[in-house]
Amino acid sequence: MALQQRENRMSNNLGILDRTLRIASGMLLVALAAPGTIESWGYLGVLGMLTGVVGVCPVYSMLGFDTRWDGS
């Protein structure tokens, strides 16, 4: 029972467009932060890249959002 609840909490909730935008914007932020073009807050782009790659946004999970398209 606990495993099923845990699995439900961690199910993918990001659609392909959302994932692509998160990865691209995260890469841009990190690329700008590395040479010092923007300040170190740009390394927060790693979080965007991570959520995009994994396909799960914890904030979306808490709020009940889901950007996946189911075709209906």
Protein backbone atom coordinates (compact mmCIF):
# COMPACT_ATOMS: atom_id res chain seq x y z
CA MET A 1 0.00 0.00 0.00
CA ALA A 2 2.76 2.47 0.93
CA LEU A 3 4.64 1.63 -2.28
CA GLN A 4 1.54 2.35 -4.36
CA GLN A 5 1.04 5.73 -2.66
CA ARG A 6 4.69 6.59 -3.20
CA GLU A 7 4.46 5.57 -6.84
CA ASN A 8 1.39 7.79 -7.34
CA ARG A 9 3.19 10.76 -5.84
CA MET A 10 6.17 10.38 -8.15
CA SER A 11 4.33 9.77 -11.43
CA ASN A 12 5.27 11.93 -14.39
CA ASN A 13 3.35 15.19 -14.46
CA LEU A 14 5.24 17.12 -17.16
CA GLY A 15 4.31 17.16 -20.82
CA ILE A 16 6.89 17.13 -23.60
CA LEU A 17 6.69 20.90 -24.21
CA ASP A 18 7.04 21.65 -20.50
CA ARG A 19 10.01 19.28 -20.23
CA THR A 20 11.70 20.74 -23.31
CA LEU A 21 11.30 24.32 -22.08
CA ARG A 22 12.63 23.43 -18.63
CA ILE A 23 15.71 21.71 -20.05
CA ALA A 24 16.43 24.47 -22.57
CA SER A 25 15.97 27.34 -20.12
CA GLY A 26 17.98 25.49 -17.47
CA MET A 27 20.84 24.96 -19.90
CA LEU A 28 20.74 28.63 -20.88
CA LEU A 29 20.86 29.80 -17.26
CA VAL A 30 23.77 27.51 -16.40
CA ALA A 31 25.61 28.51 -19.59
CA LEU A 32 25.24 32.18 -18.64
CA ALA A 33 26.22 31.61 -15.00
CA ALA A 34 29.36 29.59 -15.73
CA PRO A 35 31.41 32.43 -17.28
CA GLY A 36 29.90 35.01 -14.91
CA THR A 37 27.60 36.71 -17.41
CA ILE A 38 24.85 36.46 -14.79
CA GLU A 39 25.26 35.94 -11.07
CA SER A 40 25.41 32.56 -9.35
CA TRP A 41 21.60 32.33 -9.10
CA GLY A 42 21.79 31.12 -12.69
CA TYR A 43 22.90 27.75 -11.38
CA LEU A 44 19.29 27.25 -10.29
CA GLY A 45 18.85 26.23 -13.90
CA VAL A 46 20.12 22.82 -12.80
CA LEU A 47 16.78 22.32 -11.02
CA GLY A 48 14.89 23.05 -14.22
CA MET A 49 17.07 20.62 -16.15
CA LEU A 50 16.62 17.95 -13.48
CA THR A 51 12.83 18.22 -13.39
CA GLY A 52 12.75 18.24 -17.18
CA VAL A 53 14.86 15.11 -17.51
CA VAL A 54 13.02 13.21 -14.77
CA GLY A 55 9.58 14.44 -15.89
CA VAL A 56 8.35 15.15 -12.38
CA CYS A 57 7.83 18.55 -10.79
CA PRO A 58 7.30 18.35 -7.02
CA VAL A 59 5.48 21.69 -6.97
CA TYR A 60 3.08 20.48 -9.67
CA SER A 61 2.51 17.32 -7.62
CA MET A 62 1.62 19.34 -4.51
CA LEU A 63 -0.76 21.57 -6.47
CA GLY A 64 -2.28 18.76 -8.52
CA PHE A 65 -1.10 20.11 -11.89
CA ASP A 66 -0.37 17.87 -14.86
CA THR A 67 0.79 19.20 -18.23
CA ARG A 68 0.81 15.86 -20.03
CA TRP A 69 -1.48 15.58 -23.03
CA ASP A 70 -3.52 12.40 -23.02
CA GLY A 71 -4.91 12.74 -26.54
CA SER A 72 -8.54 13.17 -25.57
